[in-house]
């Protein structure tokens, strides 16, 4: 039986306020249309017909709240998503980063880790993984736990293999993982230099200096105010002449930080700090 849930604009604001006051998660600057769709989807899964039912559950059941946040913050991700982006990294960005004794890369909004694993494999193939440290952060603890275990759905590996080949991969892609029941487990040797941690782009601050920041297909869920805040955070997190990578539908064009970057590859949204 299909549950037909509904939430008004005013009720959505009440949910945002409740979540911020009671649990400290701030969705105030998330794009409303996208957030409303996600909240309604969560309500349907939970069998909540009204905003009142949702607020009651959020207020009185901490386990429900944990599930709600986990469901609300799951983003679509793929290994070697947008192969042209990884080909550009392989051919033109990583050779520049090779001059650093230690290469620090931040994957902000890493979801379940597929793009982080892709970066690790790419670094391995160009001989840089042993002196790289990849920091992968997300708001969703369940995403991070899955990523720590290196778990990828096996049913997706055919598509990911195609992405890998198109990106310029030079090995048999199946050599990077072990199939186990319905999952593929990325080999530990490609996860040894990965650090997973909770980080909230809406409220948290700079925590290191990076040569490359990747935040792909995350900013599309934020409004302009939060996008500008996050871009300032990334700018302050980059080393001099560090690189920034955004999603294919994202751009610096209307960002307050656009003057701080040069465009390296407009087709795949790679930028470089001017200072």
Protein backbone atom coordinates (compact mmCIF):
# COMPACT_ATOMS: atom_id res chain seq x y z
CA UNK A 1 0.00 0.00 0.00
CA UNK A 2 1.41 3.40 -1.01
CA UNK A 3 1.62 6.04 1.71
CA UNK A 4 0.70 9.50 0.42
CA UNK A 5 2.63 11.85 2.66
CA UNK A 6 2.51 15.62 2.48
CA UNK A 7 4.43 18.45 4.08
CA UNK A 8 3.92 22.17 3.51
CA UNK A 9 6.64 24.79 3.24
CA UNK A 10 5.81 26.03 6.74
CA UNK A 11 5.89 22.51 8.16
CA UNK A 12 9.27 21.88 6.52
CA UNK A 13 10.64 24.96 8.31
CA UNK A 14 9.30 23.57 11.60
CA UNK A 15 11.08 20.26 10.96
CA UNK A 16 14.34 22.08 10.18
CA UNK A 17 14.03 24.09 13.41
CA UNK A 18 13.22 21.00 15.49
CA UNK A 19 16.21 19.07 14.13
CA UNK A 20 18.56 22.00 14.78
CA UNK A 21 17.33 22.72 18.31
CA UNK A 22 17.06 19.16 19.53
CA UNK A 23 19.96 17.47 17.75
CA UNK A 24 22.26 20.22 16.43
CA UNK A 25 22.00 19.31 12.73
CA UNK A 26 21.50 22.46 10.66
CA UNK A 27 19.67 22.05 7.34
CA UNK A 28 18.66 25.71 7.28
CA UNK A 29 20.61 26.54 4.14
CA UNK A 30 19.82 23.40 2.15
CA UNK A 31 17.92 23.96 -1.10
CA UNK A 32 14.27 23.71 -0.11
CA UNK A 33 12.83 21.86 -3.12
CA UNK A 34 15.38 19.05 -2.87
CA UNK A 35 15.12 18.87 0.93
CA UNK A 36 11.32 18.74 0.79
CA UNK A 37 11.42 15.82 -1.66
CA UNK A 38 13.82 13.94 0.60
CA UNK A 39 11.76 14.56 3.74
CA UNK A 40 8.59 13.34 1.99
CA UNK A 41 10.45 10.24 0.80
CA UNK A 42 11.52 9.57 4.40
CA UNK A 43 7.94 10.08 5.61
CA UNK A 44 6.66 7.58 3.05
CA UNK A 45 9.23 4.97 4.09
CA UNK A 46 8.31 5.49 7.74
CA UNK A 47 4.57 5.47 7.13
CA UNK A 48 4.13 9.05 8.39
CA UNK A 49 1.15 10.72 6.72
CA UNK A 50 1.56 14.16 8.27
CA UNK A 51 4.26 16.51 9.51
CA UNK A 52 2.78 16.14 13.01
CA UNK A 53 3.50 12.39 12.96
CA UNK A 54 7.04 13.03 11.74
CA UNK A 55 7.70 15.64 14.44
CA UNK A 56 6.35 13.30 17.11
CA UNK A 57 8.71 10.53 15.99
CA UNK A 58 11.70 12.86 15.76
CA UNK A 59 11.02 14.28 19.22
CA UNK A 60 10.42 11.01 21.04
CA UNK A 61 12.51 8.34 19.31
CA UNK A 62 16.26 8.88 19.01
CA UNK A 63 16.65 5.74 16.91
CA UNK A 64 14.09 7.09 14.46
CA UNK A 65 16.02 10.35 14.28
CA UNK A 66 19.23 8.47 13.50
CA UNK A 67 17.44 6.61 10.70
CA UNK A 68 15.92 9.89 9.46
CA UNK A 69 19.30 11.62 9.19
CA UNK A 70 20.86 8.60 7.51
CA UNK A 71 18.04 8.42 4.98
CA UNK A 72 17.99 12.17 4.40
CA UNK A 73 21.70 12.49 3.65
CA UNK A 74 22.34 9.54 1.30
CA UNK A 75 23.69 10.88 -2.01
CA UNK A 76 23.98 9.10 -5.34
CA UNK A 77 27.56 8.01 -5.97
CA UNK A 78 29.55 5.81 -8.36
CA UNK A 79 33.07 4.56 -8.82
CA UNK A 80 34.82 6.54 -11.57
CA UNK A 81 31.69 8.62 -12.06
CA UNK A 82 32.18 10.94 -15.05
CA UNK A 83 35.20 9.09 -16.54
CA UNK A 84 36.45 12.22 -18.31
CA UNK A 85 37.04 13.80 -14.89
CA UNK A 86 39.31 10.95 -13.80
CA UNK A 87 41.12 11.00 -17.13
CA UNK A 88 41.84 14.71 -16.60
CA UNK A 89 43.13 13.98 -13.10
CA UNK A 90 45.35 11.18 -14.42
CA UNK A 91 46.81 13.18 -17.30
CA UNK A 92 47.04 16.75 -16.04
CA UNK A 93 46.44 17.17 -12.28
CA UNK A 94 48.20 14.27 -10.56
CA UNK A 95 51.48 14.86 -12.47
CA UNK A 96 51.52 18.35 -10.87
CA UNK A 97 50.75 16.97 -7.41
CA UNK A 98 53.60 14.47 -7.78
CA UNK A 99 56.04 17.25 -6.82
CA UNK A 100 54.71 17.25 -3.22
CA UNK A 101 56.42 14.92 -0.71
CA UNK A 102 53.01 14.20 0.82
CA UNK A 103 49.78 14.60 -1.13
CA UNK A 104 46.70 15.38 0.96
CA UNK A 105 43.29 15.07 -0.68
CA UNK A 106 39.92 15.86 0.87
CA UNK A 107 36.74 14.17 -0.39
CA UNK A 108 33.99 16.30 1.16
CA UNK A 109 30.57 14.66 1.23
CA UNK A 110 32.05 11.26 0.40
CA UNK A 111 28.80 9.30 0.85
CA UNK A 112 29.60 5.56 0.90
CA UNK A 113 33.12 6.01 -0.45
CA UNK A 114 32.93 5.01 -4.11
CA UNK A 115 34.70 8.13 -5.36
CA UNK A 116 37.34 7.88 -2.64
CA UNK A 117 38.10 4.30 -3.67
CA UNK A 118 38.32 5.49 -7.27
CA UNK A 119 40.88 8.12 -6.28
CA UNK A 120 42.94 5.57 -4.35
CA UNK A 121 43.02 3.24 -7.36
CA UNK A 122 44.00 6.11 -9.64
CA UNK A 123 46.78 7.19 -7.28
CA UNK A 124 48.02 3.61 -7.14
CA UNK A 125 48.19 3.39 -10.91
CA UNK A 126 50.28 6.55 -11.20
CA UNK A 127 52.56 5.49 -8.35
CA UNK A 128 51.46 8.08 -5.79
CA UNK A 129 49.24 6.20 -3.33
CA UNK A 130 52.04 5.41 -0.85
CA UNK A 131 52.69 9.10 -0.23
CA UNK A 132 49.07 10.24 -0.38
CA UNK A 133 46.62 10.66 2.47
CA UNK A 134 42.93 10.77 1.57
CA UNK A 135 40.53 12.37 4.03
CA UNK A 136 36.92 11.35 3.38
CA UNK A 137 34.18 13.14 5.30
CA UNK A 138 30.42 12.99 5.43
CA UNK A 139 27.55 14.08 7.66
CA UNK A 140 26.09 10.58 7.69
CA UNK A 141 27.77 8.12 10.13
CA UNK A 142 26.21 5.09 8.40
CA UNK A 143 27.78 6.15 5.09
CA UNK A 144 31.18 6.39 6.75
CA UNK A 145 30.91 3.00 8.44
CA UNK A 146 30.09 1.33 5.13
CA UNK A 147 32.95 3.17 3.45
CA UNK A 148 35.43 2.11 6.16
CA UNK A 149 34.62 -1.50 5.36
CA UNK A 150 35.24 -0.97 1.64
CA UNK A 151 31.82 -2.34 0.72
CA UNK A 152 30.40 -1.70 -2.76
CA UNK A 153 27.25 -3.41 -4.16
CA UNK A 154 28.39 -6.18 -6.51
CA UNK A 155 25.54 -5.48 -8.91
CA UNK A 156 27.12 -2.10 -9.72
CA UNK A 157 30.56 -3.40 -10.65
CA UNK A 158 29.78 -3.97 -14.32
CA UNK A 159 28.92 -0.28 -14.71
CA UNK A 160 31.92 0.75 -12.61
CA UNK A 161 34.21 -1.41 -14.75
CA UNK A 162 32.98 0.44 -17.83
CA UNK A 163 33.59 3.80 -16.10
CA UNK A 164 37.09 2.68 -15.10
CA UNK A 165 38.03 1.65 -18.64
CA UNK A 166 36.72 4.93 -20.07
CA UNK A 167 38.73 6.86 -17.47
CA UNK A 168 42.00 5.38 -18.77
CA UNK A 169 42.37 2.50 -16.32
CA UNK A 170 45.33 0.25 -17.09
CA UNK A 171 44.56 -2.96 -15.16
CA UNK A 172 41.88 -5.59 -14.81
CA UNK A 173 39.37 -3.74 -12.62
CA UNK A 174 38.35 -6.95 -10.82
CA UNK A 175 41.87 -7.15 -9.36
CA UNK A 176 40.97 -4.29 -7.01
CA UNK A 177 38.20 -6.09 -5.14
CA UNK A 178 36.95 -9.44 -3.88
CA UNK A 179 33.38 -10.55 -4.57
CA UNK A 180 31.61 -11.70 -1.42
CA UNK A 181 27.93 -12.65 -1.67
CA UNK A 182 26.14 -9.52 -2.94
CA UNK A 183 29.04 -7.15 -2.28
CA UNK A 184 32.44 -6.29 -3.64
CA UNK A 185 35.07 -5.55 -0.99
CA UNK A 186 37.81 -3.14 -2.03
CA UNK A 187 41.17 -4.65 -1.09
CA UNK A 188 42.71 -3.27 2.10
CA UNK A 189 45.92 -2.17 0.36
CA UNK A 190 43.93 0.49 -1.49
CA UNK A 191 42.22 1.66 1.71
CA UNK A 192 45.26 1.89 3.99
CA UNK A 193 45.80 5.63 3.44
CA UNK A 194 42.16 6.60 3.79
CA UNK A 195 40.88 8.49 6.84
CA UNK A 196 37.10 8.63 7.34
CA UNK A 197 35.54 11.21 9.67
CA UNK A 198 32.29 13.02 10.34
CA UNK A 199 32.27 16.61 9.07
CA UNK A 200 29.34 18.95 8.52
CA UNK A 201 29.94 21.40 5.67
CA UNK A 202 27.18 23.64 7.01
CA UNK A 203 28.79 24.25 10.40
CA UNK A 204 32.31 22.78 10.71
CA UNK A 205 35.61 24.52 9.99
CA UNK A 206 38.96 24.00 8.27
CA UNK A 207 40.79 20.97 9.70
CA UNK A 208 43.86 20.57 7.45
CA UNK A 209 45.61 21.88 4.34
CA UNK A 210 45.06 20.00 1.09
CA UNK A 211 46.53 19.91 -2.39
CA UNK A 212 43.21 18.75 -3.83
CA UNK A 213 39.65 19.13 -2.57
CA UNK A 214 36.93 17.06 -4.26
CA UNK A 215 33.31 17.94 -3.55
CA UNK A 216 31.34 16.55 -6.43
CA UNK A 217 27.54 16.65 -6.66
CA UNK A 218 27.05 17.97 -3.13
CA UNK A 219 26.68 21.73 -3.64
CA UNK A 220 23.57 21.18 -5.77
CA UNK A 221 21.70 20.39 -2.54
CA UNK A 222 22.65 23.74 -0.92
CA UNK A 223 21.24 27.21 -1.39
CA UNK A 224 23.44 30.11 -2.52
CA UNK A 225 24.30 31.21 1.03
CA UNK A 226 25.58 27.79 2.04
CA UNK A 227 27.34 27.31 -1.29
CA UNK A 228 29.30 30.51 -0.66
CA UNK A 229 30.15 29.42 2.89
CA UNK A 230 31.41 26.05 1.66
CA UNK A 231 33.45 27.58 -1.16
CA UNK A 232 35.17 29.87 1.36
CA UNK A 233 35.84 26.80 3.53
CA UNK A 234 37.43 25.01 0.56
CA UNK A 235 39.48 28.04 -0.42
CA UNK A 236 40.85 28.29 3.12
CA UNK A 237 41.57 24.55 3.14
CA UNK A 238 43.69 24.54 -0.01
CA UNK A 239 47.46 24.85 -0.11
CA UNK A 240 48.88 27.54 -2.43
CA UNK A 241 47.95 26.63 -6.03
CA UNK A 242 45.82 23.75 -4.75
CA UNK A 243 43.12 22.17 -6.91
CA UNK A 244 39.35 22.11 -6.44
CA UNK A 245 37.05 19.63 -8.20
CA UNK A 246 33.27 20.08 -8.40
CA UNK A 247 30.48 18.03 -9.98
CA UNK A 248 29.59 18.28 -13.64
CA UNK A 249 26.41 20.27 -12.84
CA UNK A 250 28.20 22.62 -10.44
CA UNK A 251 30.19 25.76 -11.12
CA UNK A 252 32.05 28.65 -9.54
CA UNK A 253 30.44 31.07 -11.98
CA UNK A 254 28.07 32.65 -9.45
CA UNK A 255 30.14 32.00 -6.34
CA UNK A 256 31.62 34.80 -4.26
CA UNK A 257 34.88 32.80 -4.31
CA UNK A 258 35.15 32.64 -8.12
CA UNK A 259 37.87 35.32 -8.25
CA UNK A 260 40.12 33.20 -6.04
CA UNK A 261 40.41 30.44 -8.66
CA UNK A 262 41.61 29.87 -12.18
CA UNK A 263 39.73 27.45 -14.41
CA UNK A 264 41.90 24.43 -15.22
CA UNK A 265 39.36 22.29 -17.06
CA UNK A 266 35.90 23.81 -17.60
CA UNK A 267 34.51 20.61 -19.13
CA UNK A 268 35.02 18.58 -15.94
CA UNK A 269 34.88 21.45 -13.40
CA UNK A 270 38.46 21.51 -12.11
CA UNK A 271 39.82 24.77 -10.69
CA UNK A 272 43.08 25.93 -9.15
CA UNK A 273 43.64 28.40 -6.36
CA UNK A 274 45.39 31.59 -7.52
CA UNK A 275 47.40 31.87 -4.33
